[in-house]
Amino acid sequence: MRATLALSLTLAASTHAAVSPWFAIHILDDATNRGIPLAELRTVSEASFISDNAGRIALADPDLMNRPVWFHVSSPGYSLPKDGFGYSGVRLVPKPGASTEIRLSRSQPAERIARLTGLDRWRDSLLLNLPAPSLPTDPFGVTGQDSTQATPWHGRIFWLWGDTSITSYPLGNFKTTCATSDPVTNPENGFAFSYLADPDKPDRLRTMMPREGPGVVWMQGLLNVPDTSGNEQLVAHWGRSPGLAPVVEQGIAVFNESLGTFQNRTSIPKDESWRFPRGHVLHHKDHFYFASPLPHTRVKANFASVTQPDAYEALRFNEPSNSWIWQRLNPPTTQKDEAALIAAGKLPAASARFQITDAATSSPVLIHGASVRWNPFRNRFLLIGVATGTKNDPSYLGEVWFAESTAPDGPFSKAVKIATHPAYSFYNPVHHPFMDQQNGRLIHFEGTYTAEFSGNPRKTPRYDYNQILYRLDLSHPTLTPALTP
């Protein structure tokens, strides 16, 4: 009798243990059948649940289980139809071990496919014991990273970020963080970042641009150029400043492989505004072009030139000759400068290089940050940029635009919005050609997703201040108005 009772209790316990405590919710793109990262389910009582990189949410809130629950459903660039009261959402009955799917319609051309940085990128999938990419454990506890720069280097990818937050303290590394990784064929699975550690304190991130004095040290314009011996050299601009204030010192740095840090090569006066690597870099023929925010500056693509400020050229409209010229004496004619010249009747509108307008409304699109890349599928130079935005836009620094040109320095004219981030920012976007697929038909771009400049006091857990990756199919029909003949 005791043996029978013991066996019954054992079987009951085993059966109970086999039932997952989680209710699995999978949010899918209705067109691609892929999971949607950054989809939010929010209850009537404002409890919020955010999908992981696979589009999954693991729910086990005791007050929500085994009863009907209304979830407001939202995700930037995706939607559900509204009901008669104007609510977009679903009513579910969460039960342990059960699962459901929610399908959203994508209202933008770009498809959000992954968060590349920060912790818990596949958190809910792992809680549900579902497959997830196998990536190395991050020993530093990186929770957020700002403004990516990346370039192929020695057969790998060299990554550079600005401010980096960590789990152990709100202030992490504010003097540039770097990592390397292997190239990948499936960017949505993420990259196995090998962060560079402090050689004296291996549990800390390395300060990649060590400088004495207070303030942050930010780097930009990362490029790979061979020296006279054919050795690959990483070069970038650096600047030390008290936050968003003007720099107190700056220069052009070169990566020292033996030291494992960038070292100043050429100091630059602190009031110099354009004679150095800037923004995101395009290598075309014998020049590097710098999109900051548009490709107004360039330099010869050799080591001596990129480290010498006097070698840099700026694209400027020359009024006497009524033409655009590359010259070294004066700063470039920017998008705002160009608009002012047109308004004053000094530059014919037909000669404009950067008067980008919304293809749907003809409204001006003022670019804040962008990258320009050559694309073999379109046989054009592609611009992916975020607009400053107006009071009528859904966001400040959160609307992403696509345009193209037959030349790296324009003209860029008609643009199509490809991604939106209502009440949030998505700045410093960059298209990575090393992620292109199908001869460039599928391209990928990432940017910094943050509430920092949006005015939104509600930050998205785990996603805020991190890099989010999008994929764009260049055969998407909504891009047609921006495509040049």
Protein backbone atom coordinates (compact mmCIF):
# COMPACT_ATOMS: atom_id res chain seq x y z
CA MET A 1 0.00 0.00 0.00
CA ARG A 2 2.79 2.42 0.95
CA ALA A 3 4.72 1.54 -2.24
CA THR A 4 1.62 2.17 -4.36
CA LEU A 5 0.99 5.50 -2.64
CA ALA A 6 4.64 6.54 -3.06
CA LEU A 7 4.55 5.64 -6.75
CA SER A 8 1.35 7.65 -7.23
CA LEU A 9 2.84 10.70 -5.53
CA THR A 10 6.00 10.40 -7.63
CA LEU A 11 4.01 10.21 -10.87
CA ALA A 12 1.87 13.17 -9.83
CA ALA A 13 4.94 15.22 -8.97
CA SER A 14 6.60 14.35 -12.29
CA THR A 15 3.48 15.28 -14.24
CA HIS A 16 3.20 18.58 -12.39
CA ALA A 17 6.88 19.37 -12.95
CA ALA A 18 6.52 18.76 -16.69
CA VAL A 19 3.98 21.56 -17.06
CA SER A 20 5.71 24.85 -17.87
CA PRO A 21 4.74 27.74 -15.60
CA TRP A 22 4.89 30.09 -18.58
CA PHE A 23 2.23 31.21 -21.00
CA ALA A 24 4.02 31.65 -24.33
CA ILE A 25 3.05 34.55 -26.59
CA HIS A 26 4.62 34.84 -30.03
CA ILE A 27 4.23 38.15 -31.90
CA LEU A 28 4.74 37.70 -35.64
CA ASP A 29 5.07 39.84 -38.74
CA ASP A 30 2.02 38.85 -40.77
CA ALA A 31 3.92 39.23 -44.05
CA THR A 32 7.16 37.40 -43.23
CA ASN A 33 6.00 35.05 -40.44
CA ARG A 34 9.03 36.17 -38.41
CA GLY A 35 9.00 37.18 -34.77
CA ILE A 36 8.91 40.92 -34.03
CA PRO A 37 11.35 42.27 -31.44
CA LEU A 38 10.20 45.25 -29.38
CA ALA A 39 6.47 44.49 -29.37
CA GLU A 40 4.71 45.59 -26.18
CA LEU A 41 1.74 44.00 -24.47
CA ARG A 42 0.29 46.29 -21.81
CA THR A 43 -2.55 45.46 -19.44
CA VAL A 44 -5.36 47.70 -18.23
CA SER A 45 -3.35 48.17 -15.02
CA GLU A 46 -0.27 49.25 -17.04
CA ALA A 47 1.74 46.06 -16.52
CA SER A 48 4.06 45.91 -19.52
CA PHE A 49 5.68 42.96 -21.31
CA ILE A 50 8.19 43.42 -24.16
CA SER A 51 8.99 40.75 -26.74
CA ASP A 52 12.55 39.47 -27.12
CA ASN A 53 14.55 39.15 -30.34
CA ALA A 54 12.44 36.19 -31.43
CA GLY A 55 9.23 38.10 -30.82
CA ARG A 56 8.37 36.01 -27.76
CA ILE A 57 6.96 36.91 -24.36
CA ALA A 58 7.02 34.48 -21.43
CA LEU A 59 4.16 35.36 -19.07
CA ALA A 60 3.69 33.94 -15.57
CA ASP A 61 2.23 36.85 -13.60
CA PRO A 62 0.06 35.13 -10.96
CA ASP A 63 -2.65 37.80 -11.10
CA LEU A 64 -3.06 37.40 -14.84
CA MET A 65 -3.18 33.62 -15.17
CA ASN A 66 -6.36 31.65 -15.86
CA ARG A 67 -8.56 34.68 -16.43
CA PRO A 68 -9.48 36.87 -19.40
CA VAL A 69 -6.92 39.67 -19.78
CA TRP A 70 -6.98 42.58 -22.21
CA PHE A 71 -3.59 43.50 -23.65
CA HIS A 72 -2.99 46.72 -25.55
CA VAL A 73 -0.61 45.72 -28.37
CA SER A 74 1.89 48.15 -29.91
CA SER A 75 5.18 48.00 -31.78
CA PRO A 76 6.91 50.80 -33.75
CA GLY A 77 6.05 50.38 -37.42
CA TYR A 78 3.57 47.56 -36.81
CA SER A 79 -0.13 47.56 -35.93
CA LEU A 80 -3.33 45.70 -35.15
CA PRO A 81 -6.77 46.91 -36.29
CA LYS A 82 -8.61 49.03 -33.73
CA ASP A 83 -11.87 47.91 -32.19
CA GLY A 84 -15.04 50.00 -31.99
CA PHE A 85 -13.66 51.99 -29.04
CA GLY A 86 -10.35 52.74 -30.74
CA TYR A 87 -8.26 50.17 -28.86
CA SER A 88 -5.64 48.01 -30.59
CA GLY A 89 -5.18 44.81 -28.67
CA VAL A 90 -6.26 41.28 -27.84
CA ARG A 91 -8.10 39.51 -25.06
CA LEU A 92 -6.28 36.37 -23.90
CA VAL A 93 -6.68 33.79 -21.16
CA PRO A 94 -3.08 33.05 -20.08
CA LYS A 95 -2.60 29.48 -18.86
CA PRO A 96 0.58 27.71 -17.72
CA GLY A 97 2.06 25.62 -20.52
CA ALA A 98 -0.23 27.10 -23.18
CA SER A 99 0.73 29.33 -26.08
CA THR A 100 -0.74 31.72 -28.60
CA GLU A 101 0.25 33.85 -31.59
CA ILE A 102 -0.45 37.50 -32.33
CA ARG A 103 0.04 38.68 -35.90
CA LEU A 104 0.76 42.31 -36.68
CA SER A 105 0.73 44.14 -40.00
CA ARG A 106 3.92 46.01 -40.87
CA SER A 107 3.18 49.58 -41.92
CA GLN A 108 6.76 50.44 -42.92
CA PRO A 109 9.19 48.99 -45.49
CA ALA A 110 11.97 48.16 -42.98
CA GLU A 111 11.62 44.98 -40.93
CA ARG A 112 12.93 45.07 -37.37
CA ILE A 113 14.90 41.86 -36.81
CA ALA A 114 17.11 42.12 -33.71
CA ARG A 115 18.54 44.06 -30.83
CA LEU A 116 22.30 43.71 -31.26
CA THR A 117 23.58 44.99 -27.91
CA GLY A 118 22.62 44.73 -24.25
CA LEU A 119 21.57 41.83 -22.05
CA ASP A 120 18.68 39.34 -22.31
CA ARG A 121 18.25 39.60 -26.06
CA TRP A 122 16.57 36.16 -26.18
CA ARG A 123 15.38 36.18 -22.58
CA ASP A 124 11.83 34.96 -23.10
CA SER A 125 12.77 32.28 -25.61
CA LEU A 126 15.23 30.84 -23.07
CA LEU A 127 12.61 30.93 -20.30
CA LEU A 128 10.31 28.97 -22.60
CA ASN A 129 13.09 26.45 -23.37
CA LEU A 130 12.91 27.35 -27.05
CA PRO A 131 15.91 27.53 -29.41
CA ALA A 132 18.00 30.70 -29.30
CA PRO A 133 21.35 31.63 -30.86
CA SER A 134 24.35 30.50 -28.86
CA LEU A 135 26.45 33.57 -28.07
CA PRO A 136 29.27 33.91 -25.54
CA THR A 137 28.43 35.17 -22.07
CA ASP A 138 29.14 38.86 -21.61
CA PRO A 139 31.48 39.08 -18.57
CA PHE A 140 31.12 42.88 -18.35
CA GLY A 141 27.35 43.16 -18.02
CA VAL A 142 26.91 45.57 -20.93
CA THR A 143 23.35 46.91 -20.73
CA GLY A 144 23.49 49.65 -23.34
CA GLN A 145 25.68 51.03 -26.12
CA ASP A 146 25.51 54.20 -28.14
CA SER A 147 26.31 55.03 -31.79
CA THR A 148 27.93 52.13 -33.61
CA GLN A 149 30.93 52.40 -35.94
CA ALA A 150 32.09 49.20 -37.63
CA THR A 151 34.48 48.14 -40.39
CA PRO A 152 36.02 44.89 -41.68
CA TRP A 153 39.54 44.47 -40.32
CA HIS A 154 41.94 41.50 -40.51
CA GLY A 155 39.12 39.25 -41.73
CA ARG A 156 36.90 40.16 -38.77
CA ILE A 157 34.61 43.06 -37.93
CA PHE A 158 35.98 45.79 -35.69
CA TRP A 159 33.22 47.51 -33.67
CA LEU A 160 33.37 50.84 -31.88
CA TRP A 161 30.70 52.39 -29.63
CA GLY A 162 30.35 55.60 -27.67
CA ASP A 163 28.96 55.59 -24.13
CA THR A 164 28.52 52.10 -22.66
CA SER A 165 26.37 51.36 -19.61
CA ILE A 166 26.93 48.30 -17.40
CA THR A 167 25.02 46.41 -14.71
CA SER A 168 27.28 47.33 -11.79
CA TYR A 169 26.90 51.12 -11.95
CA PRO A 170 25.03 53.74 -14.04
CA LEU A 171 28.34 55.13 -15.31
CA GLY A 172 30.14 52.51 -17.36
CA ASN A 173 32.74 53.29 -20.03
CA PHE A 174 32.48 56.80 -21.47
CA LYS A 175 35.82 56.80 -23.27
CA THR A 176 34.93 54.45 -26.14
CA THR A 177 34.29 50.70 -26.08
CA CYS A 178 35.47 48.33 -28.81
CA ALA A 179 35.00 44.69 -29.76
CA THR A 180 35.71 42.33 -32.62
CA SER A 181 33.55 39.61 -34.10
CA ASP A 182 33.44 37.19 -36.97
CA PRO A 183 31.29 38.13 -39.96
CA VAL A 184 27.95 36.32 -40.00
CA THR A 185 25.56 35.12 -42.69
CA ASN A 186 22.45 35.64 -40.53
CA PRO A 187 22.67 39.05 -38.83
CA GLU A 188 19.35 38.50 -37.04
CA ASN A 189 21.13 35.93 -34.86
CA GLY A 190 23.46 38.62 -33.56
CA PHE A 191 27.23 38.84 -33.36
CA ALA A 192 29.59 37.13 -30.93
CA PHE A 193 31.24 40.31 -29.65
CA SER A 194 34.67 39.85 -28.12
CA TYR A 195 34.89 43.00 -26.03
CA LEU A 196 38.36 44.39 -25.39
CA ALA A 197 39.07 44.26 -21.67
CA ASP A 198 41.29 46.39 -19.48
CA PRO A 199 44.62 44.49 -19.40
CA ASP A 200 45.15 45.42 -15.73
CA LYS A 201 41.53 44.80 -14.69
CA PRO A 202 40.16 42.10 -16.98
CA ASP A 203 36.68 42.37 -15.48
CA ARG A 204 36.39 45.92 -16.84
CA LEU A 205 35.95 47.24 -20.34
CA ARG A 206 39.02 48.80 -21.88
CA THR A 207 39.19 52.57 -22.26
CA MET A 208 39.93 52.60 -25.98
CA MET A 209 40.93 56.25 -26.28
CA PRO A 210 42.75 56.98 -23.00
CA ARG A 211 43.01 60.71 -22.35
CA GLU A 212 43.73 62.66 -19.19
CA GLY A 213 41.12 65.12 -18.02
CA PRO A 214 37.39 65.04 -17.27
CA GLY A 215 34.61 64.45 -19.74
CA VAL A 216 33.68 61.86 -22.32
CA VAL A 217 35.84 60.77 -25.25
CA TRP A 218 33.82 60.03 -28.38
CA MET A 219 35.13 58.71 -31.68
CA GLN A 220 33.75 58.84 -35.20
CA GLY A 221 34.74 58.36 -38.82
CA LEU A 222 36.22 54.89 -38.24
CA LEU A 223 37.99 53.62 -41.35
CA ASN A 224 40.46 50.94 -42.38
CA VAL A 225 43.29 52.09 -44.66
CA PRO A 226 46.59 50.39 -45.57
CA ASP A 227 49.83 52.13 -44.70
CA THR A 228 52.82 52.29 -47.06
CA SER A 229 53.77 48.72 -46.09
CA GLY A 230 50.29 47.42 -46.87
CA ASN A 231 49.35 46.92 -43.20
CA GLU A 232 45.73 47.59 -42.29
CA GLN A 233 45.40 50.65 -40.08
CA LEU A 234 42.31 51.72 -38.15
CA VAL A 235 41.92 55.49 -38.09
CA ALA A 236 39.25 57.66 -36.44
CA HIS A 237 38.60 61.12 -35.08
CA TRP A 238 38.47 61.55 -31.31
CA GLY A 239 37.26 64.41 -29.19
CA ARG A 240 37.09 64.98 -25.44
CA SER A 241 34.25 67.13 -24.21
CA PRO A 242 32.06 67.76 -21.14
CA GLY A 243 29.04 65.88 -22.48
CA LEU A 244 27.25 67.53 -25.39
CA ALA A 245 29.35 70.72 -25.07
CA PRO A 246 32.05 71.57 -27.66
CA VAL A 247 35.28 69.59 -27.51
CA VAL A 248 38.13 70.81 -25.32
CA GLU A 249 40.66 68.78 -27.31
CA GLN A 250 40.53 66.61 -30.41
CA GLY A 251 42.65 64.82 -32.96
CA ILE A 252 43.05 61.95 -35.42
CA ALA A 253 43.90 58.63 -33.78
CA VAL A 254 45.37 55.36 -35.05
CA PHE A 255 44.80 51.98 -33.44
CA ASN A 256 47.98 50.61 -31.88
CA GLU A 257 47.74 46.82 -32.09
CA SER A 258 50.53 46.21 -29.57
CA LEU A 259 48.89 48.45 -26.95
CA GLY A 260 45.36 47.51 -27.95
CA THR A 261 44.15 51.14 -27.80
CA PHE A 262 43.85 54.14 -30.09
CA GLN A 263 46.67 56.65 -29.84
CA ASN A 264 46.62 60.25 -30.93
CA ARG A 265 48.43 60.68 -34.24
CA THR A 266 47.59 64.27 -35.14
CA SER A 267 46.28 66.94 -32.79
CA ILE A 268 43.69 69.34 -34.21
CA PRO A 269 42.69 72.80 -32.94
CA LYS A 270 39.55 72.50 -30.86
CA ASP A 271 37.65 74.91 -33.11
CA GLU A 272 38.32 72.86 -36.27
CA SER A 273 34.95 71.61 -37.53
CA TRP A 274 35.53 69.49 -40.64
CA ARG A 275 39.13 68.57 -41.47
CA PHE A 276 39.07 65.06 -39.96
CA PRO A 277 37.22 61.73 -40.30
CA ARG A 278 33.56 62.29 -39.54
CA GLY A 279 30.32 60.34 -39.22
CA HIS A 280 30.10 57.14 -41.26
CA VAL A 281 32.69 56.54 -43.96
CA LEU A 282 32.22 55.53 -47.60
CA HIS A 283 35.26 54.30 -49.56
CA HIS A 284 34.65 55.03 -53.23
CA LYS A 285 37.44 54.75 -55.80
CA ASP A 286 40.41 56.78 -54.50
CA HIS A 287 38.56 58.77 -51.79
CA PHE A 288 36.93 58.37 -48.42
CA TYR A 289 33.65 60.31 -48.18
CA PHE A 290 32.31 61.28 -44.76
CA ALA A 291 28.57 61.45 -44.13
CA SER A 292 28.29 63.95 -41.29
CA PRO A 293 25.40 64.12 -41.72
CA LEU A 294 25.74 64.12 -45.53
CA PRO A 295 28.86 63.50 -47.66
CA HIS A 296 30.13 67.09 -47.66
CA THR A 297 33.79 66.21 -47.01
CA ARG A 298 36.33 63.75 -48.39
CA VAL A 299 40.01 62.86 -48.41
CA LYS A 300 42.33 60.72 -50.53
CA ALA A 301 42.15 57.07 -49.46
CA ASN A 302 45.72 56.67 -48.23
CA PHE A 303 47.19 56.63 -44.74
CA ALA A 304 49.20 59.83 -45.09
CA SER A 305 46.19 61.84 -46.24
CA VAL A 306 43.64 60.60 -43.68
CA THR A 307 45.98 61.54 -40.83
CA GLN A 308 46.75 65.01 -42.24
CA PRO A 309 43.98 67.63 -41.72
CA ASP A 310 45.25 69.85 -44.54
CA ALA A 311 44.52 67.05 -47.02
CA TYR A 312 40.76 67.15 -46.41
CA GLU A 313 38.42 68.68 -48.97
CA ALA A 314 34.96 70.21 -48.55
CA LEU A 315 32.20 70.31 -51.15
CA ARG A 316 31.14 73.93 -51.59
CA PHE A 317 28.88 75.85 -53.93
CA ASN A 318 30.95 78.47 -55.71
CA GLU A 319 28.75 81.46 -56.52
CA PRO A 320 31.04 83.16 -59.08
CA SER A 321 31.21 80.04 -61.22
CA ASN A 322 27.69 78.85 -60.30
CA SER A 323 29.09 75.36 -59.69
CA TRP A 324 29.98 72.88 -56.99
CA ILE A 325 33.67 72.42 -56.28
CA TRP A 326 35.84 70.35 -53.95
CA GLN A 327 38.28 72.69 -52.20
CA ARG A 328 40.42 72.85 -49.05
CA LEU A 329 40.08 76.45 -47.84
CA ASN A 330 36.49 76.82 -46.63
CA PRO A 331 33.96 74.62 -44.83
CA PRO A 332 31.35 72.70 -46.84
CA THR A 333 27.99 73.98 -48.00
CA THR A 334 25.58 72.09 -45.75
CA GLN A 335 21.95 71.16 -46.35
CA LYS A 336 20.83 74.26 -44.42
CA ASP A 337 23.35 76.47 -46.24
CA GLU A 338 22.10 75.18 -49.56
CA ALA A 339 18.46 75.93 -48.68
CA ALA A 340 19.42 79.48 -47.68
CA LEU A 341 21.28 80.01 -50.98
CA ILE A 342 18.25 78.80 -52.93
CA ALA A 343 15.93 81.09 -50.96
CA ALA A 344 18.24 84.03 -51.67
CA GLY A 345 18.26 83.26 -55.39
CA LYS A 346 21.99 82.52 -55.36
CA LEU A 347 21.74 78.81 -56.18
CA PRO A 348 19.34 77.41 -58.80
CA ALA A 349 17.03 74.82 -57.28
CA ALA A 350 17.90 72.48 -60.15
CA SER A 351 21.55 72.54 -59.02
CA ALA A 352 20.80 71.47 -55.45
CA ARG A 353 22.67 68.44 -54.09
CA PHE A 354 20.98 67.86 -50.74
CA GLN A 355 17.48 69.36 -50.83
CA ILE A 356 15.83 66.09 -49.83
CA THR A 357 12.04 66.03 -49.74
CA ASP A 358 9.39 63.53 -48.75
CA ALA A 359 8.36 61.79 -51.99
CA ALA A 360 4.77 61.63 -50.72
CA THR A 361 4.29 65.21 -49.50
CA SER A 362 7.24 67.22 -50.93
CA SER A 363 7.98 68.42 -47.37
CA PRO A 364 11.67 69.05 -46.58
CA VAL A 365 13.58 66.24 -44.86
CA LEU A 366 16.38 67.71 -42.76
CA ILE A 367 18.94 64.95 -42.17
CA HIS A 368 20.53 64.77 -38.72
CA GLY A 369 22.66 61.64 -39.20
CA ALA A 370 23.13 59.21 -42.07
CA SER A 371 25.33 56.78 -43.93
CA VAL A 372 25.86 56.59 -47.69
CA ARG A 373 26.83 53.26 -49.27
CA TRP A 374 27.29 51.84 -52.77
CA ASN A 375 24.72 49.17 -53.58
CA PRO A 376 25.27 46.66 -56.41
CA PHE A 377 21.59 45.64 -56.61
CA ARG A 378 20.40 49.18 -57.30
CA ASN A 379 23.68 50.28 -58.94
CA ARG A 380 23.29 53.46 -56.90
CA PHE A 381 24.55 55.11 -53.73
CA LEU A 382 22.03 54.60 -50.95
CA LEU A 383 21.38 57.07 -48.16
CA ILE A 384 19.87 55.81 -44.90
CA GLY A 385 19.29 58.77 -42.59
CA VAL A 386 17.32 59.97 -39.60
CA ALA A 387 15.56 63.34 -39.83
CA THR A 388 15.63 66.06 -37.22
CA GLY A 389 11.86 66.11 -37.38
CA THR A 390 9.19 68.76 -36.83
CA LYS A 391 6.38 69.18 -34.31
CA ASN A 392 4.10 67.34 -36.75
CA ASP A 393 6.33 64.25 -36.91
CA PRO A 394 5.69 61.19 -34.72
CA SER A 395 9.12 61.55 -33.11
CA TYR A 396 12.21 63.67 -32.70
CA LEU A 397 15.23 61.93 -34.27
CA GLY A 398 13.18 58.78 -34.78
CA GLU A 399 12.01 58.84 -38.41
CA VAL A 400 14.32 57.00 -40.81
CA TRP A 401 14.49 57.84 -44.52
CA PHE A 402 15.81 56.25 -47.71
CA ALA A 403 17.13 58.04 -50.78
CA GLU A 404 19.57 57.26 -53.58
CA SER A 405 21.88 58.93 -56.07
CA THR A 406 24.16 58.07 -58.97
CA ALA A 407 27.10 59.80 -57.21
CA PRO A 408 28.37 59.66 -53.62
CA ASP A 409 27.96 63.42 -53.17
CA GLY A 410 24.47 63.60 -54.64
CA PRO A 411 22.15 64.91 -55.72
CA PHE A 412 19.83 63.19 -53.27
CA SER A 413 16.29 64.41 -53.76
CA LYS A 414 13.18 62.27 -53.19
CA ALA A 415 13.07 60.22 -49.99
CA VAL A 416 10.77 57.55 -48.58
CA LYS A 417 10.29 56.95 -44.88
CA ILE A 418 11.33 53.38 -44.09
CA ALA A 419 11.02 53.20 -40.27
CA THR A 420 9.28 55.12 -37.53
CA HIS A 421 9.73 55.26 -33.74
CA PRO A 422 6.82 57.26 -32.31
CA ALA A 423 7.75 59.26 -29.19
CA TYR A 424 11.25 57.76 -29.26
CA SER A 425 14.60 58.47 -30.91
CA PHE A 426 16.66 56.32 -33.26
CA TYR A 427 19.76 58.30 -34.09
CA ASN A 428 23.08 57.78 -35.92
CA PRO A 429 21.72 55.08 -38.27
CA VAL A 430 24.26 53.18 -40.34
CA HIS A 431 23.90 50.74 -43.22
CA HIS A 432 26.48 47.92 -42.96
CA PRO A 433 27.41 46.54 -46.42
CA PHE A 434 29.13 43.55 -44.78
CA MET A 435 25.64 42.35 -43.82
CA ASP A 436 24.16 42.70 -47.33
CA GLN A 437 22.48 39.65 -48.82
CA GLN A 438 21.38 38.55 -52.31
CA ASN A 439 23.78 40.91 -54.11
CA GLY A 440 22.55 43.84 -52.07
CA ARG A 441 18.80 43.33 -52.53
CA LEU A 442 18.53 42.85 -48.78
CA ILE A 443 20.39 45.46 -46.74
CA HIS A 444 20.70 45.97 -42.99
CA PHE A 445 20.98 49.11 -40.89
CA GLU A 446 21.14 49.79 -37.18
CA GLY A 447 20.81 52.80 -34.92
CA THR A 448 20.63 53.88 -31.30
CA TYR A 449 17.13 53.40 -29.86
CA THR A 450 16.73 55.73 -26.88
CA ALA A 451 14.29 57.99 -25.09
CA GLU A 452 17.16 60.40 -24.38
CA PHE A 453 16.15 63.18 -26.77
CA SER A 454 12.53 62.25 -27.43
CA GLY A 455 10.90 63.87 -24.42
CA ASN A 456 9.38 60.50 -23.53
CA PRO A 457 9.81 59.82 -19.78
CA ARG A 458 8.95 56.14 -20.24
CA LYS A 459 12.00 54.11 -21.25
CA THR A 460 11.65 50.69 -22.85
CA PRO A 461 13.18 48.08 -20.51
CA ARG A 462 16.24 46.29 -21.92
CA TYR A 463 15.91 47.99 -25.32
CA ASP A 464 16.59 51.59 -24.31
CA TYR A 465 20.01 52.96 -25.26
CA ASN A 466 20.84 49.99 -27.43
CA GLN A 467 21.43 49.15 -31.06
CA ILE A 468 18.47 47.82 -33.03
CA LEU A 469 18.91 46.18 -36.43
CA TYR A 470 16.55 46.47 -39.40
CA ARG A 471 16.43 44.70 -42.74
CA LEU A 472 15.24 46.45 -45.89
CA ASP A 473 14.26 44.71 -49.12
CA LEU A 474 15.19 47.10 -51.93
CA SER A 475 12.54 45.55 -54.17
CA HIS A 476 9.81 46.72 -51.76
CA PRO A 477 7.21 48.59 -53.86
CA THR A 478 6.90 51.52 -51.45
CA LEU A 479 10.51 52.52 -52.22
CA THR A 480 9.70 53.23 -55.87
CA PRO A 481 9.12 57.01 -55.46
CA ALA A 482 12.68 57.43 -54.15
CA LEU A 483 14.37 55.41 -56.88
CA THR A 484 16.22 57.38 -59.56
CA PRO A 485 15.85 56.33 -63.22
